[in-house]
Amino acid sequence: METETTLVPRSAWMTLAVASVASFMIAIETSIISLALPQLRDGFPGASETKLSWVVNAYTIGVASLLLVSGWLADRFGRKRLFFGGLFIFFVASFVAALSPSANFLITVRVFQAIGGAMQYPAGLALLLAAFPPSRIQTAIGIWGATGGLAAALGPTVGALLVNAFDWQAVFFINVPIAAIVLVFGPRW
């Protein structure tokens, strides 16, 4: 006798893995940077506390404010296209953020990182909903949501470890290999 789990196609589980990795990266970026602020202050000594707070706020506000528009764009132009387009923007912005020469430049790149993150989030959920049979959607959403929650909880710890072992740039570089793997293999899955 087959169980409901065996009725879920392998491609649905792969979609869940890809969407969950993206959700993890988007969510961890809201909290991973918090413990890097002292190093950012040292790296950009001319930047005020207010300006450095925008390194955090530009991303958080950007993602939150663009979610609805991104959902609409995913419906209009294609969920997969928007998801991987957003992932590419997030990938490039994460790499460039780590190389930022000034606080103003970093804030600008964080806005682009937020745009990429906001594009992935609703498109990833929509891809997930389309991939799973109705009887298993709650399970998929639960795993996807828990991944984002776990990322937000782990962010400060991971950020502290990265900053102590390397420097503030590491909180951005950490996304680059993960996003690259998903960009290469995700469309095939």
N, C-alpha and C. Protein backbone atom coordinates (compact mmCIF):
# COMPACT_ATOMS: atom_id res chain seq x y z
N MET A 1 0.84 -1.19 0.00
CA MET A 1 0.00 0.00 0.00
C MET A 1 0.88 1.24 0.00
N GLU A 2 0.58 2.16 -0.91
CA GLU A 2 1.37 3.39 -1.01
C GLU A 2 0.86 4.43 -0.02
N THR A 3 1.78 5.18 0.54
CA THR A 3 1.40 6.27 1.43
C THR A 3 1.32 7.56 0.61
N GLU A 4 0.75 8.59 1.24
CA GLU A 4 0.66 9.89 0.56
C GLU A 4 2.03 10.45 0.21
N THR A 5 3.02 10.16 1.04
CA THR A 5 4.35 10.68 0.80
C THR A 5 4.92 10.15 -0.51
N THR A 6 4.66 8.89 -0.82
CA THR A 6 5.20 8.33 -2.05
C THR A 6 4.46 8.85 -3.28
N LEU A 7 3.30 9.44 -3.09
CA LEU A 7 2.55 9.99 -4.21
C LEU A 7 3.06 11.38 -4.63
N VAL A 8 3.88 11.97 -3.80
CA VAL A 8 4.44 13.30 -4.13
C VAL A 8 5.62 13.09 -5.07
N PRO A 9 5.57 13.71 -6.24
CA PRO A 9 6.68 13.52 -7.19
C PRO A 9 8.00 14.05 -6.65
N ARG A 10 9.08 13.44 -7.10
CA ARG A 10 10.42 13.86 -6.68
C ARG A 10 10.65 15.33 -7.02
N SER A 11 10.13 15.76 -8.15
CA SER A 11 10.32 17.16 -8.56
C SER A 11 9.70 18.13 -7.56
N ALA A 12 8.62 17.72 -6.90
CA ALA A 12 8.00 18.58 -5.88
C ALA A 12 8.94 18.75 -4.69
N TRP A 13 9.59 17.66 -4.28
CA TRP A 13 10.53 17.75 -3.16
C TRP A 13 11.75 18.59 -3.53
N MET A 14 12.17 18.50 -4.77
CA MET A 14 13.29 19.33 -5.23
C MET A 14 12.88 20.80 -5.26
N THR A 15 11.65 21.07 -5.68
CA THR A 15 11.15 22.45 -5.67
C THR A 15 11.12 22.97 -4.24
N LEU A 16 10.69 22.11 -3.31
CA LEU A 16 10.67 22.50 -1.90
C LEU A 16 12.09 22.80 -1.42
N ALA A 17 13.06 21.99 -1.80
CA ALA A 17 14.44 22.22 -1.38
C ALA A 17 14.95 23.56 -1.91
N VAL A 18 14.72 23.82 -3.19
CA VAL A 18 15.20 25.07 -3.81
C VAL A 18 14.51 26.27 -3.17
N ALA A 19 13.20 26.21 -3.02
CA ALA A 19 12.45 27.33 -2.42
C ALA A 19 12.85 27.54 -0.97
N SER A 20 13.13 26.47 -0.26
CA SER A 20 13.51 26.58 1.15
C SER A 20 14.91 27.17 1.31
N VAL A 21 15.84 26.80 0.44
CA VAL A 21 17.18 27.39 0.49
C VAL A 21 17.09 28.89 0.24
N ALA A 22 16.28 29.27 -0.75
CA ALA A 22 16.10 30.70 -1.04
C ALA A 22 15.46 31.41 0.16
N SER A 23 14.44 30.81 0.73
CA SER A 23 13.78 31.38 1.90
C SER A 23 14.78 31.55 3.05
N PHE A 24 15.64 30.56 3.23
CA PHE A 24 16.66 30.62 4.28
C PHE A 24 17.59 31.81 4.06
N MET A 25 18.08 31.97 2.82
CA MET A 25 19.00 33.08 2.54
C MET A 25 18.33 34.43 2.73
N ILE A 26 17.10 34.55 2.27
CA ILE A 26 16.38 35.82 2.40
C ILE A 26 16.17 36.16 3.87
N ALA A 27 15.74 35.18 4.65
CA ALA A 27 15.44 35.42 6.06
C ALA A 27 16.71 35.66 6.89
N ILE A 28 17.77 34.94 6.59
CA ILE A 28 18.98 35.10 7.41
C ILE A 28 19.60 36.48 7.22
N GLU A 29 19.39 37.06 6.04
CA GLU A 29 19.94 38.40 5.78
C GLU A 29 19.32 39.48 6.66
N THR A 30 18.15 39.22 7.23
CA THR A 30 17.55 40.22 8.10
C THR A 30 18.24 40.28 9.46
N SER A 31 18.86 39.17 9.88
CA SER A 31 19.45 39.16 11.21
C SER A 31 20.95 38.89 11.25
N ILE A 32 21.52 38.36 10.20
CA ILE A 32 22.95 37.99 10.21
C ILE A 32 23.85 39.23 10.34
N ILE A 33 23.39 40.34 9.84
CA ILE A 33 24.19 41.56 9.80
C ILE A 33 24.25 42.27 11.17
N SER A 34 23.31 41.94 12.04
CA SER A 34 23.19 42.70 13.30
C SER A 34 24.47 42.70 14.13
N LEU A 35 25.18 41.60 14.17
CA LEU A 35 26.41 41.54 14.97
C LEU A 35 27.64 42.02 14.20
N ALA A 36 27.47 42.40 12.95
CA ALA A 36 28.58 42.92 12.16
C ALA A 36 28.67 44.44 12.24
N LEU A 37 27.72 45.09 12.91
CA LEU A 37 27.73 46.55 12.96
C LEU A 37 29.00 47.15 13.56
N PRO A 38 29.57 46.58 14.63
CA PRO A 38 30.85 47.15 15.12
C PRO A 38 31.97 47.08 14.07
N GLN A 39 32.03 45.98 13.32
CA GLN A 39 33.05 45.86 12.28
C GLN A 39 32.75 46.80 11.11
N LEU A 40 31.48 47.00 10.81
CA LEU A 40 31.11 47.98 9.77
C LEU A 40 31.52 49.38 10.20
N ARG A 41 31.34 49.68 11.47
CA ARG A 41 31.74 50.97 12.01
C ARG A 41 33.25 51.17 11.85
N ASP A 42 34.02 50.10 12.11
CA ASP A 42 35.47 50.17 11.94
C ASP A 42 35.85 50.27 10.46
N GLY A 43 35.10 49.56 9.61
CA GLY A 43 35.39 49.57 8.18
C GLY A 43 35.03 50.86 7.49
N PHE A 44 34.02 51.55 8.02
CA PHE A 44 33.57 52.82 7.46
C PHE A 44 33.55 53.87 8.57
N PRO A 45 34.73 54.33 9.02
CA PRO A 45 34.80 55.21 10.18
C PRO A 45 34.09 56.55 9.99
N GLY A 46 33.93 57.00 8.77
CA GLY A 46 33.26 58.27 8.53
C GLY A 46 31.74 58.19 8.54
N ALA A 47 31.21 56.98 8.60
CA ALA A 47 29.75 56.80 8.54
C ALA A 47 29.14 56.97 9.93
N SER A 48 28.03 57.68 9.98
CA SER A 48 27.32 57.88 11.26
C SER A 48 26.57 56.61 11.65
N GLU A 49 26.14 56.56 12.89
CA GLU A 49 25.33 55.43 13.38
C GLU A 49 24.03 55.32 12.58
N THR A 50 23.45 56.46 12.26
CA THR A 50 22.21 56.47 11.48
C THR A 50 22.44 55.86 10.11
N LYS A 51 23.53 56.25 9.48
CA LYS A 51 23.84 55.71 8.15
C LYS A 51 24.06 54.20 8.23
N LEU A 52 24.80 53.75 9.23
CA LEU A 52 25.05 52.32 9.37
C LEU A 52 23.77 51.54 9.67
N SER A 53 22.82 52.17 10.34
CA SER A 53 21.55 51.48 10.59
C SER A 53 20.81 51.21 9.28
N TRP A 54 21.08 52.03 8.27
CA TRP A 54 20.43 51.83 6.97
C TRP A 54 20.99 50.63 6.23
N VAL A 55 22.16 50.15 6.62
CA VAL A 55 22.67 48.91 6.05
C VAL A 55 21.71 47.76 6.39
N VAL A 56 21.17 47.80 7.59
CA VAL A 56 20.18 46.80 8.02
C VAL A 56 18.80 47.15 7.47
N ASN A 57 18.39 48.38 7.66
CA ASN A 57 17.02 48.80 7.32
C ASN A 57 16.72 48.78 5.82
N ALA A 58 17.69 49.11 4.99
CA ALA A 58 17.45 49.13 3.54
C ALA A 58 17.00 47.76 3.05
N TYR A 59 17.60 46.73 3.59
CA TYR A 59 17.23 45.36 3.19
C TYR A 59 15.86 44.97 3.75
N THR A 60 15.68 45.16 5.04
CA THR A 60 14.44 44.73 5.69
C THR A 60 13.23 45.46 5.12
N ILE A 61 13.32 46.76 5.03
CA ILE A 61 12.21 47.56 4.49
C ILE A 61 12.00 47.24 3.01
N GLY A 62 13.10 47.09 2.29
CA GLY A 62 13.00 46.78 0.86
C GLY A 62 12.26 45.48 0.59
N VAL A 63 12.65 44.42 1.28
CA VAL A 63 11.98 43.13 1.08
C VAL A 63 10.50 43.24 1.44
N ALA A 64 10.22 43.78 2.61
CA ALA A 64 8.83 43.87 3.07
C ALA A 64 7.95 44.70 2.14
N SER A 65 8.49 45.78 1.64
CA SER A 65 7.67 46.68 0.82
C SER A 65 7.47 46.16 -0.60
N LEU A 66 8.29 45.24 -1.04
CA LEU A 66 8.19 44.76 -2.43
C LEU A 66 7.53 43.39 -2.58
N LEU A 67 7.12 42.77 -1.50
CA LEU A 67 6.55 41.43 -1.59
C LEU A 67 5.28 41.37 -2.43
N LEU A 68 4.36 42.29 -2.21
CA LEU A 68 3.10 42.26 -2.96
C LEU A 68 3.32 42.51 -4.45
N VAL A 69 4.15 43.48 -4.76
CA VAL A 69 4.46 43.78 -6.17
C VAL A 69 5.13 42.57 -6.81
N SER A 70 6.03 41.93 -6.09
CA SER A 70 6.73 40.77 -6.62
C SER A 70 5.77 39.61 -6.87
N GLY A 71 4.82 39.42 -6.00
CA GLY A 71 3.80 38.38 -6.22
C GLY A 71 3.02 38.64 -7.50
N TRP A 72 2.65 39.88 -7.71
CA TRP A 72 1.92 40.26 -8.92
C TRP A 72 2.79 40.04 -10.15
N LEU A 73 4.06 40.44 -10.06
CA LEU A 73 4.98 40.25 -11.19
C LEU A 73 5.19 38.76 -11.49
N ALA A 74 5.24 37.94 -10.45
CA ALA A 74 5.40 36.49 -10.65
C ALA A 74 4.21 35.92 -11.40
N ASP A 75 3.01 36.36 -11.06
CA ASP A 75 1.81 35.91 -11.77
C ASP A 75 1.80 36.40 -13.21
N ARG A 76 2.28 37.59 -13.42
CA ARG A 76 2.23 38.20 -14.75
C ARG A 76 3.32 37.70 -15.69
N PHE A 77 4.54 37.54 -15.19
CA PHE A 77 5.68 37.21 -16.05
C PHE A 77 6.23 35.80 -15.86
N GLY A 78 5.70 35.07 -14.93
CA GLY A 78 6.16 33.70 -14.71
C GLY A 78 6.87 33.55 -13.38
N ARG A 79 6.42 32.60 -12.62
CA ARG A 79 6.98 32.39 -11.28
C ARG A 79 8.43 31.94 -11.32
N LYS A 80 8.70 30.98 -12.18
CA LYS A 80 10.06 30.46 -12.27
C LYS A 80 11.02 31.53 -12.76
N ARG A 81 10.61 32.29 -13.75
CA ARG A 81 11.45 33.35 -14.29
C ARG A 81 11.74 34.40 -13.21
N LEU A 82 10.71 34.81 -12.47
CA LEU A 82 10.91 35.82 -11.44
C LEU A 82 11.76 35.26 -10.29
N PHE A 83 11.52 34.00 -9.92
CA PHE A 83 12.28 33.39 -8.84
C PHE A 83 13.77 33.37 -9.16
N PHE A 84 14.12 32.84 -10.33
CA PHE A 84 15.54 32.74 -10.67
C PHE A 84 16.15 34.09 -11.04
N GLY A 85 15.35 35.00 -11.57
CA GLY A 85 15.82 36.36 -11.80
C GLY A 85 16.14 37.04 -10.48
N GLY A 86 15.26 36.88 -9.51
CA GLY A 86 15.50 37.43 -8.17
C GLY A 86 16.70 36.80 -7.50
N LEU A 87 16.86 35.50 -7.68
CA LEU A 87 18.01 34.81 -7.11
C LEU A 87 19.31 35.32 -7.72
N PHE A 88 19.30 35.58 -9.02
CA PHE A 88 20.50 36.11 -9.68
C PHE A 88 20.83 37.51 -9.15
N ILE A 89 19.82 38.35 -9.02
CA ILE A 89 20.04 39.70 -8.47
C ILE A 89 20.59 39.60 -7.04
N PHE A 90 20.01 38.72 -6.24
CA PHE A 90 20.45 38.52 -4.86
C PHE A 90 21.90 38.03 -4.83
N PHE A 91 22.24 37.11 -5.71
CA PHE A 91 23.59 36.55 -5.81
C PHE A 91 24.60 37.66 -6.13
N VAL A 92 24.34 38.43 -7.17
CA VAL A 92 25.25 39.51 -7.58
C VAL A 92 25.35 40.57 -6.48
N ALA A 93 24.21 40.96 -5.92
CA ALA A 93 24.21 41.99 -4.87
C ALA A 93 24.96 41.52 -3.63
N SER A 94 24.84 40.25 -3.28
CA SER A 94 25.57 39.73 -2.11
C SER A 94 27.08 39.81 -2.35
N PHE A 95 27.51 39.43 -3.55
CA PHE A 95 28.93 39.49 -3.89
C PHE A 95 29.44 40.93 -3.88
N VAL A 96 28.70 41.82 -4.50
CA VAL A 96 29.12 43.22 -4.58
C VAL A 96 29.08 43.88 -3.19
N ALA A 97 28.10 43.50 -2.37
CA ALA A 97 28.01 44.06 -1.01
C ALA A 97 29.28 43.76 -0.22
N ALA A 98 29.81 42.57 -0.38
CA ALA A 98 31.03 42.19 0.34
C ALA A 98 32.23 43.00 -0.10
N LEU A 99 32.16 43.60 -1.27
CA LEU A 99 33.27 44.39 -1.80
C LEU A 99 33.03 45.90 -1.67
N SER A 100 32.02 46.29 -0.96
CA SER A 100 31.63 47.69 -0.87
C SER A 100 32.75 48.58 -0.33
N PRO A 101 33.04 49.67 -1.04
CA PRO A 101 34.09 50.58 -0.60
C PRO A 101 33.61 51.66 0.37
N SER A 102 32.28 51.83 0.49
CA SER A 102 31.76 52.86 1.38
C SER A 102 30.39 52.44 1.92
N ALA A 103 29.97 53.10 2.98
CA ALA A 103 28.66 52.81 3.57
C ALA A 103 27.54 53.14 2.60
N ASN A 104 27.66 54.26 1.88
CA ASN A 104 26.62 54.62 0.90
C ASN A 104 26.49 53.56 -0.18
N PHE A 105 27.62 53.08 -0.66
CA PHE A 105 27.61 52.03 -1.68
C PHE A 105 26.96 50.76 -1.14
N LEU A 106 27.30 50.38 0.09
CA LEU A 106 26.73 49.19 0.71
C LEU A 106 25.22 49.31 0.87
N ILE A 107 24.76 50.47 1.27
CA ILE A 107 23.31 50.68 1.43
C ILE A 107 22.62 50.52 0.08
N THR A 108 23.19 51.08 -0.96
CA THR A 108 22.62 50.96 -2.31
C THR A 108 22.56 49.50 -2.74
N VAL A 109 23.63 48.76 -2.50
CA VAL A 109 23.66 47.36 -2.89
C VAL A 109 22.67 46.55 -2.06
N ARG A 110 22.48 46.92 -0.81
CA ARG A 110 21.49 46.23 0.03
C ARG A 110 20.08 46.42 -0.53
N VAL A 111 19.81 47.56 -1.14
CA VAL A 111 18.51 47.77 -1.78
C VAL A 111 18.34 46.76 -2.92
N PHE A 112 19.39 46.57 -3.71
CA PHE A 112 19.31 45.58 -4.79
C PHE A 112 19.18 44.16 -4.24
N GLN A 113 19.87 43.90 -3.15
CA GLN A 113 19.74 42.59 -2.50
C GLN A 113 18.29 42.38 -2.04
N ALA A 114 17.67 43.43 -1.54
CA ALA A 114 16.27 43.36 -1.12
C ALA A 114 15.34 43.12 -2.30
N ILE A 115 15.62 43.76 -3.41
CA ILE A 115 14.80 43.54 -4.62
C ILE A 115 14.87 42.08 -5.03
N GLY A 116 16.07 41.53 -5.07
CA GLY A 116 16.23 40.12 -5.42
C GLY A 116 15.55 39.20 -4.43
N GLY A 117 15.67 39.50 -3.15
CA GLY A 117 15.01 38.69 -2.12
C GLY A 117 13.50 38.75 -2.23
N ALA A 118 12.98 39.94 -2.45
CA ALA A 118 11.53 40.10 -2.56
C ALA A 118 10.98 39.39 -3.80
N MET A 119 11.76 39.33 -4.85
CA MET A 119 11.32 38.63 -6.06
C MET A 119 11.23 37.12 -5.82
N GLN A 120 12.13 36.58 -5.03
CA GLN A 120 12.17 35.14 -4.79
C GLN A 120 11.07 34.65 -3.86
N TYR A 121 10.76 35.42 -2.86
CA TYR A 121 9.90 34.93 -1.79
C TYR A 121 8.50 34.52 -2.27
N PRO A 122 7.72 35.41 -2.86
CA PRO A 122 6.39 34.98 -3.30
C PRO A 122 6.43 34.03 -4.48
N ALA A 123 7.42 34.18 -5.37
CA ALA A 123 7.53 33.28 -6.51
C ALA A 123 7.88 31.87 -6.04
N GLY A 124 8.75 31.77 -5.05
CA GLY A 124 9.11 30.47 -4.49
C GLY A 124 7.91 29.78 -3.85
N LEU A 125 7.12 30.53 -3.11
CA LEU A 125 5.91 29.95 -2.51
C LEU A 125 4.92 29.52 -3.58
N ALA A 126 4.76 30.32 -4.62
CA ALA A 126 3.84 29.96 -5.71
C ALA A 126 4.32 28.71 -6.44
N LEU A 127 5.62 28.57 -6.66
CA LEU A 127 6.17 27.36 -7.29
C LEU A 127 5.90 26.14 -6.42
N LEU A 128 6.03 26.33 -5.14
CA LEU A 128 5.78 25.27 -4.17
C LEU A 128 4.32 24.82 -4.21
N LEU A 129 3.42 25.77 -4.21
CA LEU A 129 1.99 25.46 -4.24
C LEU A 129 1.61 24.71 -5.51
N ALA A 130 2.24 25.05 -6.62
CA ALA A 130 1.93 24.38 -7.88
C ALA A 130 2.55 22.99 -7.96
N ALA A 131 3.63 22.74 -7.23
CA ALA A 131 4.35 21.48 -7.32
C ALA A 131 3.73 20.36 -6.49
N PHE A 132 3.07 20.71 -5.39
CA PHE A 132 2.57 19.70 -4.46
C PHE A 132 1.09 19.42 -4.68
N PRO A 133 0.68 18.17 -4.47
CA PRO A 133 -0.75 17.87 -4.53
C PRO A 133 -1.45 18.53 -3.34
N PRO A 134 -2.72 18.86 -3.49
CA PRO A 134 -3.45 19.56 -2.43
C PRO A 134 -3.34 18.91 -1.05
N SER A 135 -3.28 17.60 -1.00
CA SER A 135 -3.22 16.92 0.30
C SER A 135 -1.89 17.11 1.01
N ARG A 136 -0.85 17.57 0.31
CA ARG A 136 0.48 17.73 0.91
C ARG A 136 0.96 19.17 0.95
N ILE A 137 0.13 20.10 0.54
CA ILE A 137 0.53 21.52 0.52
C ILE A 137 0.85 22.03 1.92
N GLN A 138 0.05 21.64 2.91
CA GLN A 138 0.32 22.12 4.27
C GLN A 138 1.68 21.66 4.77
N THR A 139 2.06 20.45 4.45
CA THR A 139 3.39 19.95 4.83
C THR A 139 4.48 20.78 4.16
N ALA A 140 4.32 21.02 2.87
CA ALA A 140 5.32 21.79 2.13
C ALA A 140 5.45 23.20 2.67
N ILE A 141 4.33 23.86 2.91
CA ILE A 141 4.36 25.23 3.44
C ILE A 141 4.97 25.24 4.85
N GLY A 142 4.66 24.23 5.63
CA GLY A 142 5.22 24.14 6.98
C GLY A 142 6.74 24.04 6.96
N ILE A 143 7.27 23.19 6.08
CA ILE A 143 8.72 23.04 5.96
C ILE A 143 9.34 24.33 5.45
N TRP A 144 8.75 24.90 4.41
CA TRP A 144 9.25 26.15 3.82
C TRP A 144 9.26 27.27 4.86
N GLY A 145 8.17 27.43 5.59
CA GLY A 145 8.08 28.48 6.62
C GLY A 145 9.04 28.24 7.77
N ALA A 146 9.19 26.99 8.18
CA ALA A 146 10.11 26.67 9.28
C ALA A 146 11.55 26.97 8.89
N THR A 147 11.87 26.78 7.62
CA THR A 147 13.22 27.09 7.15
C THR A 147 13.52 28.57 7.30
N GLY A 148 12.56 29.41 6.93
CA GLY A 148 12.73 30.85 7.10
C GLY A 148 12.85 31.24 8.56
N GLY A 149 12.02 30.63 9.40
CA GLY A 149 12.09 30.91 10.84
C GLY A 149 13.41 30.48 11.45
N LEU A 150 13.90 29.33 11.04
CA LEU A 150 15.19 28.84 11.51
C LEU A 150 16.31 29.80 11.12
N ALA A 151 16.24 30.29 9.90
CA ALA A 151 17.26 31.24 9.43
C ALA A 151 17.28 32.51 10.27
N ALA A 152 16.10 33.04 10.55
CA ALA A 152 16.03 34.27 11.35
C ALA A 152 16.60 34.03 12.75
N ALA A 153 16.36 32.85 13.30
CA ALA A 153 16.87 32.53 14.63
C ALA A 153 18.38 32.29 14.62
N LEU A 154 18.89 31.68 13.57
CA LEU A 154 20.33 31.38 13.49
C LEU A 154 21.17 32.57 13.05
N GLY A 155 20.55 33.56 12.44
CA GLY A 155 21.27 34.69 11.88
C GLY A 155 22.28 35.34 12.80
N PRO A 156 21.89 35.76 14.00
CA PRO A 156 22.87 36.41 14.87
C PRO A 156 24.06 35.51 15.24
N THR A 157 23.80 34.23 15.47
CA THR A 157 24.88 33.31 15.81
C THR A 157 25.81 33.10 14.63
N VAL A 158 25.23 32.83 13.47
CA VAL A 158 26.04 32.64 12.27
C VAL A 158 26.81 33.92 11.95
N GLY A 159 26.14 35.07 12.08
CA GLY A 159 26.80 36.34 11.84
C GLY A 159 27.98 36.56 12.76
N ALA A 160 27.81 36.25 14.04
CA ALA A 160 28.90 36.42 15.00
C ALA A 160 30.07 35.50 14.67
N LEU A 161 29.79 34.26 14.32
CA LEU A 161 30.86 33.33 13.96
C LEU A 161 31.62 33.80 12.72
N LEU A 162 30.88 34.23 11.71
CA LEU A 162 31.52 34.69 10.48
C LEU A 162 32.36 35.95 10.70
N VAL A 163 31.81 36.90 11.45
CA VAL A 163 32.51 38.17 11.69
C VAL A 163 33.75 37.94 12.54
N ASN A 164 33.65 37.07 13.54
CA ASN A 164 34.81 36.80 14.39
C ASN A 164 35.89 36.03 13.64
N ALA A 165 35.49 35.12 12.76
CA ALA A 165 36.47 34.33 12.02
C ALA A 165 37.07 35.10 10.85
N PHE A 166 36.29 35.98 10.24
CA PHE A 166 36.74 36.69 9.05
C PHE A 166 36.57 38.18 9.27
N ASP A 167 35.53 38.78 8.73
CA ASP A 167 35.20 40.19 8.94
C ASP A 167 33.78 40.39 8.44
N TRP A 168 33.31 41.63 8.41
CA TRP A 168 31.92 41.90 8.05
C TRP A 168 31.58 41.42 6.65
N GLN A 169 32.55 41.36 5.75
CA GLN A 169 32.29 40.93 4.38
C GLN A 169 31.76 39.50 4.32
N ALA A 170 32.13 38.69 5.29
CA ALA A 170 31.72 37.28 5.29
C ALA A 170 30.20 37.09 5.38
N VAL A 171 29.49 38.04 6.00
CA VAL A 171 28.04 37.89 6.11
C VAL A 171 27.35 38.05 4.75
N PHE A 172 28.06 38.61 3.79
CA PHE A 172 27.55 38.70 2.42
C PHE A 172 28.11 37.58 1.55
N PHE A 173 29.40 37.28 1.70
CA PHE A 173 30.01 36.22 0.90
C PHE A 173 29.37 34.86 1.15
N ILE A 174 28.81 34.63 2.34
CA ILE A 174 28.20 33.34 2.67
C ILE A 174 27.07 32.98 1.70
N ASN A 175 26.39 33.99 1.16
CA ASN A 175 25.28 33.74 0.23
C ASN A 175 25.77 33.31 -1.16
N VAL A 176 26.96 33.72 -1.52
CA VAL A 176 27.43 33.56 -2.91
C VAL A 176 27.50 32.10 -3.34
N PRO A 177 28.19 31.22 -2.61
CA PRO A 177 28.24 29.83 -3.08
C PRO A 177 26.88 29.13 -3.03
N ILE A 178 26.09 29.44 -2.04
CA ILE A 178 24.76 28.81 -1.92
C ILE A 178 23.88 29.24 -3.09
N ALA A 179 23.84 30.53 -3.35
CA ALA A 179 23.03 31.03 -4.46
C ALA A 179 23.55 30.50 -5.79
N ALA A 180 24.86 30.38 -5.95
CA ALA A 180 25.42 29.87 -7.20
C ALA A 180 25.00 28.43 -7.44
N ILE A 181 25.01 27.61 -6.40
CA ILE A 181 24.58 26.21 -6.53
C ILE A 181 23.11 26.14 -6.95
N VAL A 182 22.28 26.94 -6.31
CA VAL A 182 20.86 26.94 -6.64
C VAL A 182 20.63 27.47 -8.05
N LEU A 183 21.39 28.48 -8.46
CA LEU A 183 21.26 29.00 -9.82
C LEU A 183 21.64 27.96 -10.88
N VAL A 184 22.66 27.16 -10.59
CA VAL A 184 23.11 26.17 -11.55
C VAL A 184 22.17 24.96 -11.59
N PHE A 185 21.84 24.43 -10.42
CA PHE A 185 21.08 23.17 -10.37
C PHE A 185 19.57 23.37 -10.23
N GLY A 186 19.15 24.49 -9.67
CA GLY A 186 17.72 24.72 -9.43
C GLY A 186 16.84 24.62 -10.65
N PRO A 187 17.19 25.27 -11.76
CA PRO A 187 16.33 25.18 -12.94
C PRO A 187 16.16 23.74 -13.46
N ARG A 188 17.18 22.92 -13.29
CA ARG A 188 17.09 21.52 -13.72
C ARG A 188 16.15 20.73 -12.83
N TRP A 189 16.14 21.07 -11.55
CA TRP A 189 15.30 20.36 -10.60
C TRP A 189 13.87 20.77 -10.75
